[in-house]
Amino acid sequence: LVERDDIDLIIIATPWNYHTEMSVYGMEQGKHVACEQPMAMTLEDCWKLIEVAERTQKHCMYLENCCFNGEELWVLNMIDQGVFGDVNHAEGAYIHDLRKHMMDANYYENQWRINHHETKNGNFYTGHGLGPTSFYMDIGRGDNYDYLTSMSSREDSLSAGARMENFPVKQFACGDMNTTLIKTKLGRTIMLQFDTHTGRPYSRLNNVFGTKAAHQGYPSRLYVGHDELQWGHSRLNDEEYKTY
């Protein structure tokens, strides 16, 4: 495919372990690359993608679809328009009960997704939450991450599901819930969560807090201060909400 002359860009949406190798090969064959997340599983591979993109002068785009969803773009536009004032804190997540899918022999090829949960702990699917919050805070465009602390709960729910489904693997390294706190160079904070083990309703949180406004997602709720203090937990009514 990448050796054809009538193709300018390739889209990579394969199991994670192939992403870096295929992206590098595509660029070295003269093609622009757009790759599903995560583009790399190690820091070494991250730098490899950068080196090859700069050497070949080919675009290497990170396909994080949640950066471009309607709610996220709406919030980003309000931030750009100054509605939020100074954004000091944001929260993002990937909360999605995938237990049934991960143990389904026909859903993921060779059940590649659950294999990562057998051997890895932490948040290894950061983009759905961290992509939009990075846009909100101009990460790489005026601010940068400084340091983080991350912890996972114990693992109970995926192994319980495995016993119910008679899945051959009964123990997993990945905790049910991972929470990461990030501090930026300009003193902002980000809270990031990852949970694909429990029955929590789907959410990416999409919570943003500024000096003039606050937004909480799933469902979307907006507070705007209008330069005055308000009592209690005020949210815009439907008509006010539509004006934004």
Protein backbone atom coordinates (compact mmCIF):
# COMPACT_ATOMS: atom_id res chain seq x y z
CA LEU A 1 0.00 0.00 0.00
CA VAL A 2 2.65 2.55 0.99
CA GLU A 3 4.68 1.81 -2.14
CA ARG A 4 1.89 3.08 -4.39
CA ASP A 5 2.46 6.46 -6.07
CA ASP A 6 -1.20 7.53 -5.98
CA ILE A 7 -1.42 7.64 -2.17
CA ASP A 8 -0.28 10.64 -0.11
CA LEU A 9 -1.41 9.68 3.39
CA ILE A 10 -2.00 6.44 5.25
CA ILE A 11 -4.24 5.96 8.29
CA ILE A 12 -3.07 3.40 10.84
CA ALA A 13 -5.75 1.81 13.02
CA THR A 14 -4.18 -1.49 14.03
CA PRO A 15 -3.43 -3.09 17.42
CA TRP A 16 -1.22 -0.81 19.50
CA ASN A 17 2.04 -2.74 19.22
CA TYR A 18 2.19 -2.08 15.47
CA HIS A 19 1.61 1.69 15.58
CA THR A 20 5.19 2.96 15.84
CA GLU A 21 6.66 0.45 13.39
CA MET A 22 4.00 1.10 10.75
CA SER A 23 4.18 4.89 11.20
CA VAL A 24 7.96 4.89 10.78
CA TYR A 25 7.77 2.66 7.70
CA GLY A 26 5.07 4.81 6.13
CA MET A 27 7.07 8.02 6.53
CA GLU A 28 10.25 6.39 5.25
CA GLN A 29 8.32 5.35 2.14
CA GLY A 30 7.39 8.99 1.52
CA LYS A 31 3.87 8.99 2.94
CA HIS A 32 2.25 11.23 5.51
CA VAL A 33 0.93 9.24 8.47
CA ALA A 34 -2.13 9.61 10.69
CA CYS A 35 -2.10 7.08 13.51
CA GLU A 36 -4.64 6.01 16.10
CA GLN A 37 -3.68 6.28 19.74
CA PRO A 38 -1.39 5.40 21.34
CA MET A 39 1.20 6.22 18.68
CA ALA A 40 3.96 4.74 20.83
CA MET A 41 4.23 2.54 23.91
CA THR A 42 7.68 3.70 25.06
CA LEU A 43 9.55 7.00 25.34
CA GLU A 44 12.16 5.64 22.95
CA ASP A 45 9.50 5.09 20.29
CA CYS A 46 8.13 8.61 20.83
CA TRP A 47 11.52 10.07 19.99
CA LYS A 48 11.85 7.69 17.04
CA LEU A 49 8.63 9.07 15.52
CA ILE A 50 9.86 12.64 15.97
CA GLU A 51 13.26 11.87 14.44
CA VAL A 52 11.78 10.15 11.39
CA ALA A 53 9.16 12.86 10.83
CA GLU A 54 11.83 15.58 10.93
CA ARG A 55 14.23 13.62 8.74
CA THR A 56 11.65 12.70 6.09
CA GLN A 57 9.70 15.99 6.40
CA LYS A 58 6.45 14.02 6.54
CA HIS A 59 3.48 14.78 8.75
CA CYS A 60 2.92 12.34 11.61
CA MET A 61 -0.52 13.12 13.07
CA TYR A 62 -1.88 11.73 16.31
CA LEU A 63 -5.50 10.70 15.67
CA GLU A 64 -7.11 11.59 18.99
CA ASN A 65 -10.76 11.86 17.95
CA CYS A 66 -11.92 13.19 21.32
CA CYS A 67 -10.03 16.45 20.72
CA PHE A 68 -12.44 17.15 17.88
CA ASN A 69 -15.81 16.16 19.33
CA GLY A 70 -18.50 18.81 19.50
CA GLU A 71 -18.46 19.38 23.26
CA GLU A 72 -14.68 19.60 23.45
CA LEU A 73 -14.44 22.05 20.53
CA TRP A 74 -17.27 24.12 22.03
CA VAL A 75 -15.43 24.39 25.36
CA LEU A 76 -12.14 25.16 23.58
CA ASN A 77 -13.79 27.94 21.58
CA MET A 78 -15.18 29.51 24.77
CA ILE A 79 -11.72 29.34 26.35
CA ASP A 80 -10.21 31.02 23.27
CA GLN A 81 -12.92 33.71 23.44
CA GLY A 82 -12.09 34.46 27.09
CA VAL A 83 -15.34 33.14 28.57
CA PHE A 84 -13.46 31.06 31.16
CA GLY A 85 -10.92 33.71 32.11
CA ASP A 86 -7.75 31.99 33.33
CA VAL A 87 -8.08 28.20 33.28
CA ASN A 88 -6.45 26.78 36.41
CA HIS A 89 -7.68 23.18 36.56
CA ALA A 90 -9.08 20.55 34.20
CA GLU A 91 -10.15 16.92 34.47
CA GLY A 92 -10.26 14.30 31.74
CA ALA A 93 -10.72 10.55 31.59
CA TYR A 94 -11.37 7.40 29.67
CA ILE A 95 -14.08 5.60 31.65
CA HIS A 96 -15.60 2.83 29.54
CA ASP A 97 -16.62 -0.65 30.66
CA LEU A 98 -14.79 -2.85 28.14
CA ARG A 99 -14.77 -6.13 30.06
CA LYS A 100 -17.18 -7.95 27.75
CA HIS A 101 -15.41 -6.70 24.62
CA MET A 102 -11.94 -7.53 25.91
CA MET A 103 -12.89 -11.12 26.68
CA ASP A 104 -14.81 -11.64 23.43
CA ALA A 105 -12.72 -13.85 21.13
CA ASN A 106 -14.14 -12.13 18.05
CA TYR A 107 -14.09 -8.44 19.04
CA TYR A 108 -10.35 -7.66 19.22
CA GLU A 109 -8.06 -9.69 16.99
CA ASN A 110 -6.28 -12.27 19.15
CA GLN A 111 -7.78 -10.41 22.12
CA TRP A 112 -4.87 -7.99 21.91
CA ARG A 113 -6.41 -5.40 24.19
CA ILE A 114 -6.79 -7.55 27.29
CA ASN A 115 -3.19 -8.72 26.86
CA HIS A 116 -2.01 -5.24 27.89
CA HIS A 117 -4.06 -5.48 31.09
CA GLU A 118 -2.32 -8.74 31.98
CA THR A 119 1.13 -7.14 32.06
CA LYS A 120 0.78 -3.36 32.47
CA ASN A 121 -0.46 -1.12 35.28
CA GLY A 122 -1.19 2.59 35.18
CA ASN A 123 -2.91 4.70 32.55
CA PHE A 124 -1.90 3.43 29.11
CA TYR A 125 -4.76 5.10 27.23
CA THR A 126 -4.30 8.74 28.12
CA GLY A 127 -5.35 10.55 24.95
CA HIS A 128 -9.14 10.68 25.39
CA GLY A 129 -8.76 12.73 28.56
CA LEU A 130 -5.36 14.36 28.18
CA GLY A 131 -5.78 15.46 24.56
CA PRO A 132 -8.63 17.95 25.14
CA THR A 133 -7.24 19.20 28.47
CA SER A 134 -3.89 19.85 26.77
CA PHE A 135 -5.67 21.99 24.18
CA TYR A 136 -7.49 23.89 26.94
CA MET A 137 -4.21 24.69 28.70
CA ASP A 138 -2.05 25.43 25.64
CA ILE A 139 0.33 22.58 26.44
CA GLY A 140 3.27 22.90 24.07
CA ARG A 141 2.09 26.36 23.06
CA GLY A 142 2.95 28.38 26.17
CA ASP A 143 2.72 25.90 29.02
CA ASN A 144 4.17 22.42 29.57
CA TYR A 145 3.79 19.53 32.00
CA ASP A 146 6.14 19.78 34.96
CA TYR A 147 5.62 16.67 37.09
CA LEU A 148 2.99 14.08 37.97
CA THR A 149 1.98 11.49 40.51
CA SER A 150 -0.04 8.45 39.53
CA MET A 151 -1.63 5.58 41.41
CA SER A 152 -3.89 2.65 40.65
CA SER A 153 -6.42 0.94 42.85
CA ARG A 154 -6.22 -2.79 43.33
CA GLU A 155 -7.63 -4.98 40.56
CA ASP A 156 -10.90 -6.75 41.33
CA SER A 157 -13.48 -6.17 38.61
CA LEU A 158 -11.72 -7.54 35.51
CA SER A 159 -10.74 -10.78 37.26
CA ALA A 160 -14.31 -11.14 38.58
CA GLY A 161 -15.59 -10.78 35.02
CA ALA A 162 -13.03 -13.31 33.82
CA ARG A 163 -14.32 -15.87 36.31
CA MET A 164 -17.92 -15.29 35.18
CA GLU A 165 -16.92 -15.69 31.52
CA ASN A 166 -14.62 -18.68 32.17
CA PHE A 167 -11.81 -16.64 30.63
CA PRO A 168 -8.47 -18.53 30.79
CA VAL A 169 -6.58 -15.65 32.46
CA LYS A 170 -7.75 -14.93 36.00
CA GLN A 171 -5.20 -12.36 37.23
CA PHE A 172 -4.41 -8.94 35.78
CA ALA A 173 -1.75 -6.34 36.54
CA CYS A 174 -3.84 -3.27 35.70
CA GLY A 175 -5.77 -1.81 38.61
CA ASP A 176 -9.48 -1.08 38.27
CA MET A 177 -9.01 2.69 38.50
CA ASN A 178 -5.93 4.76 37.78
CA THR A 179 -5.81 8.41 38.86
CA THR A 180 -3.01 10.74 37.78
CA LEU A 181 -2.39 14.29 38.99
CA ILE A 182 -0.29 16.56 36.77
CA LYS A 183 1.23 19.97 37.56
CA THR A 184 2.16 22.32 34.73
CA LYS A 185 5.02 24.80 34.54
CA LEU A 186 2.55 27.69 34.98
CA GLY A 187 1.03 26.15 38.10
CA ARG A 188 -2.12 24.64 36.62
CA THR A 189 -3.35 21.18 37.60
CA ILE A 190 -4.86 18.29 35.64
CA MET A 191 -6.62 15.22 37.01
CA LEU A 192 -6.71 12.22 34.67
CA GLN A 193 -8.55 8.91 35.16
CA PHE A 194 -8.51 5.54 33.40
CA ASP A 195 -11.06 2.81 34.08
CA THR A 196 -12.12 0.11 31.63
CA HIS A 197 -12.80 -2.54 34.30
CA THR A 198 -15.88 -1.38 36.21
CA GLY A 199 -19.52 -0.71 35.42
CA ARG A 200 -19.26 3.07 35.68
CA PRO A 201 -21.25 4.89 32.98
CA TYR A 202 -19.15 6.04 30.03
CA SER A 203 -17.46 9.38 30.68
CA ARG A 204 -14.49 11.47 29.66
CA LEU A 205 -15.27 13.95 32.48
CA ASN A 206 -14.31 17.03 30.43
CA ASN A 207 -14.34 19.26 33.50
CA VAL A 208 -12.73 22.69 33.13
CA PHE A 209 -12.48 25.38 35.80
CA GLY A 210 -11.45 28.98 35.20
CA THR A 211 -11.67 32.29 37.01
CA LYS A 212 -14.87 33.27 35.17
CA ALA A 213 -16.58 30.03 34.19
CA ALA A 214 -16.72 26.30 34.83
CA HIS A 215 -17.84 23.36 32.72
CA GLN A 216 -18.62 19.78 33.68
CA GLY A 217 -19.30 17.14 31.06
CA TYR A 218 -21.40 13.97 30.88
CA PRO A 219 -23.92 15.56 30.86
CA SER A 220 -22.66 18.98 29.81
CA ARG A 221 -23.27 21.73 32.39
CA LEU A 222 -21.94 25.28 32.28
CA TYR A 223 -21.53 28.01 34.89
CA VAL A 224 -20.57 31.56 33.89
CA GLY A 225 -19.90 34.14 36.61
CA HIS A 226 -20.75 37.34 34.69
CA ASP A 227 -18.41 39.25 37.03
CA GLU A 228 -20.54 38.59 40.09
CA LEU A 229 -20.53 36.04 42.89
CA GLN A 230 -23.45 33.64 42.98
CA TRP A 231 -24.79 31.59 45.85
CA GLY A 232 -24.69 27.82 45.65
CA HIS A 233 -24.03 25.60 42.67
CA SER A 234 -25.54 27.69 39.90
CA ARG A 235 -25.70 26.41 36.33
CA LEU A 236 -27.04 28.11 33.24
CA ASN A 237 -30.60 27.22 32.31
CA ASP A 238 -31.34 25.79 28.87
CA GLU A 239 -31.90 29.15 27.19
CA GLU A 240 -28.75 30.72 28.67
CA TYR A 241 -26.78 27.59 27.80
CA LYS A 242 -27.76 27.86 24.13
CA THR A 243 -26.29 31.37 23.84
CA TYR A 244 -22.82 29.86 24.14
